Amino acid sequence: MIEHIIAIHNGKENFPIYITDRMVGHKLGEFTLTLHGNKN
C-alpha cells in the first residue's frame, strides 16, 4: 500500500493522501484536519 493515493473523509470532504514509508504505523486520521476554526 506504500506509494498509493487514497482518499480520507474528514466528515465533510474527501482528501487525497499519498502514502509514504514514513506513514507506516500511524492512523490515517492523523493526516487530515477534522476541525476548522469558527468564523463569528
C-alpha atoms as a PDB file:
ATOM      1  CA  MET A   1       0.000   0.000   0.000  1.00  0.00           C
ATOM      2  CA  ILE A   2       3.057   2.273   0.089  1.00  0.00           C
ATOM      3  CA  GLU A   3       3.203   4.797  -2.771  1.00  0.00           C
ATOM      4  CA  HIS A   4      -0.562   4.765  -3.336  1.00  0.00           C
ATOM      5  CA  ILE A   5      -3.016   7.647  -3.166  1.00  0.00           C
ATOM      6  CA  ILE A   6      -6.129   7.074  -1.074  1.00  0.00           C
ATOM      7  CA  ALA A   7      -8.992   9.398  -0.130  1.00  0.00           C
ATOM      8  CA  ILE A   8      -9.702  10.079   3.546  1.00  0.00           C
ATOM      9  CA  HIS A   9     -13.076  11.522   4.552  1.00  0.00           C
ATOM     10  CA  ASN A  10     -12.891  14.094   7.355  1.00  0.00           C
ATOM     11  CA  GLY A  11     -16.645  14.366   7.886  1.00  0.00           C
ATOM     12  CA  LYS A  12     -17.213  16.946   5.169  1.00  0.00           C
ATOM     13  CA  GLU A  13     -14.852  16.284   2.251  1.00  0.00           C
ATOM     14  CA  ASN A  14     -12.528  13.637   0.890  1.00  0.00           C
ATOM     15  CA  PHE A  15      -8.831  14.467   0.883  1.00  0.00           C
ATOM     16  CA  PRO A  16      -6.334  12.580  -1.279  1.00  0.00           C
ATOM     17  CA  ILE A  17      -3.368  11.348   0.777  1.00  0.00           C
ATOM     18  CA  TYR A  18      -0.182   9.960  -0.767  1.00  0.00           C
ATOM     19  CA  ILE A  19       1.060   7.073   1.393  1.00  0.00           C
ATOM     20  CA  THR A  20       4.810   7.038   2.077  1.00  0.00           C
ATOM     21  CA  ASP A  21       7.007   4.676   4.076  1.00  0.00           C
ATOM     22  CA  ARG A  22       7.148   7.204   6.957  1.00  0.00           C
ATOM     23  CA  MET A  23       3.388   6.857   7.477  1.00  0.00           C
ATOM     24  CA  VAL A  24       3.520   3.139   8.273  1.00  0.00           C
ATOM     25  CA  GLY A  25       2.390   2.547  11.850  1.00  0.00           C
ATOM     26  CA  HIS A  26       0.251   5.703  12.050  1.00  0.00           C
ATOM     27  CA  LYS A  27      -3.524   6.006  11.836  1.00  0.00           C
ATOM     28  CA  LEU A  28      -4.821   7.551   8.621  1.00  0.00           C
ATOM     29  CA  GLY A  29      -6.863  10.140  10.527  1.00  0.00           C
ATOM     30  CA  GLU A  30      -3.630  11.775  11.705  1.00  0.00           C
ATOM     31  CA  PHE A  31      -3.013  13.103   8.198  1.00  0.00           C
ATOM     32  CA  THR A  32      -6.182  15.157   7.704  1.00  0.00           C
ATOM     33  CA  LEU A  33      -7.704  18.096   9.579  1.00  0.00           C
ATOM     34  CA  THR A  34     -11.075  17.372  11.142  1.00  0.00           C
ATOM     35  CA  LEU A  35     -11.711  20.656  12.976  1.00  0.00           C
ATOM     36  CA  HIS A  36     -11.952  24.127  11.487  1.00  0.00           C
ATOM     37  CA  GLY A  37     -11.989  27.452  13.293  1.00  0.00           C
ATOM     38  CA  ASN A  38     -15.277  29.234  13.915  1.00  0.00           C
ATOM     39  CA  LYS A  39     -16.000  32.371  11.943  1.00  0.00           C
ATOM     40  CA  ASN A  40     -18.142  34.518  14.201  1.00  0.00           C
END
